[in-house]
Amino acid sequence: MGSDRVAELQRWEDCGAVWSVVSRKQGRVTVALMRCDGGEEVDRFSSDDPRLLDYIGERFSSTEG
């Protein structure tokens, strides 16, 4: 069983850190996890999980409403 990427992004945001979509194509998204100041990339992952795609929607980062 894989990671719950939606919960991971929610925790990331709750801690004040930023995530950013690196690429989005063919039902798959790659997300970069950035430091709280939006600077250095700490980690990145790719996923085709429909829940994650729905959570991110059309946003390009966690700083978008």
Protein backbone atom coordinates (compact mmCIF):
# COMPACT_ATOMS: atom_id res chain seq x y z
CA MET A 1 0.00 0.00 0.00
CA GLY A 2 1.36 3.43 -1.00
CA SER A 3 1.62 6.65 0.91
CA ASP A 4 -1.36 8.91 1.49
CA ARG A 5 -0.06 11.84 -0.55
CA VAL A 6 -3.12 14.01 0.20
CA ALA A 7 -2.47 13.71 3.95
CA GLU A 8 1.21 14.39 3.32
CA LEU A 9 0.45 17.63 1.45
CA GLN A 10 -2.04 18.69 4.13
CA ARG A 11 0.56 18.13 6.86
CA TRP A 12 3.12 20.00 4.77
CA GLU A 13 0.77 22.99 4.45
CA ASP A 14 -0.22 22.83 8.14
CA CYS A 15 3.47 23.21 9.03
CA GLY A 16 3.68 26.33 6.89
CA ALA A 17 5.71 24.73 4.11
CA VAL A 18 5.01 25.07 0.39
CA TRP A 19 4.40 22.50 -2.33
CA SER A 20 4.60 23.19 -6.04
CA VAL A 21 3.50 21.27 -9.14
CA VAL A 22 6.57 20.52 -11.26
CA SER A 23 4.69 18.76 -14.06
CA ARG A 24 1.20 17.60 -14.87
CA LYS A 25 0.52 15.27 -17.80
CA GLN A 26 -1.53 12.26 -18.76
CA GLY A 27 -3.25 11.92 -15.39
CA ARG A 28 -0.01 12.11 -13.42
CA VAL A 29 1.41 14.94 -11.33
CA THR A 30 4.91 15.60 -9.99
CA VAL A 31 5.03 17.70 -6.84
CA ALA A 32 8.02 19.40 -5.22
CA LEU A 33 8.01 19.91 -1.46
CA MET A 34 9.70 23.21 -0.59
CA ARG A 35 10.94 24.77 2.63
CA CYS A 36 8.60 27.05 4.55
CA ASP A 37 9.99 30.13 2.78
CA GLY A 38 9.28 28.54 -0.60
CA GLY A 39 12.99 28.29 -1.29
CA GLU A 40 14.97 25.08 -1.39
CA GLU A 41 13.32 21.89 -2.63
CA VAL A 42 13.35 19.26 0.09
CA ASP A 43 11.71 16.34 -1.73
CA ARG A 44 9.61 15.50 -4.76
CA PHE A 45 7.24 12.74 -5.78
CA SER A 46 5.04 11.70 -8.71
CA SER A 47 1.61 10.15 -8.44
CA ASP A 48 -1.44 9.22 -10.47
CA ASP A 49 -3.66 8.85 -7.38
CA PRO A 50 -7.10 10.28 -8.31
CA ARG A 51 -7.55 11.63 -4.76
CA LEU A 52 -4.33 13.61 -5.04
CA LEU A 53 -5.19 14.90 -8.51
CA ASP A 54 -8.59 16.02 -7.17
CA TYR A 55 -7.00 17.68 -4.11
CA ILE A 56 -4.52 19.64 -6.21
CA GLY A 57 -7.04 20.43 -8.92
CA GLU A 58 -5.79 23.16 -11.24
CA ARG A 59 -3.52 24.75 -8.64
CA PHE A 60 0.19 25.09 -9.30
CA SER A 61 1.17 25.50 -5.65
CA SER A 62 -0.15 25.50 -2.12
CA THR A 63 -0.01 29.31 -2.10
CA GLU A 64 -2.99 29.43 -4.49
CA GLY A 65 -6.46 29.53 -2.98
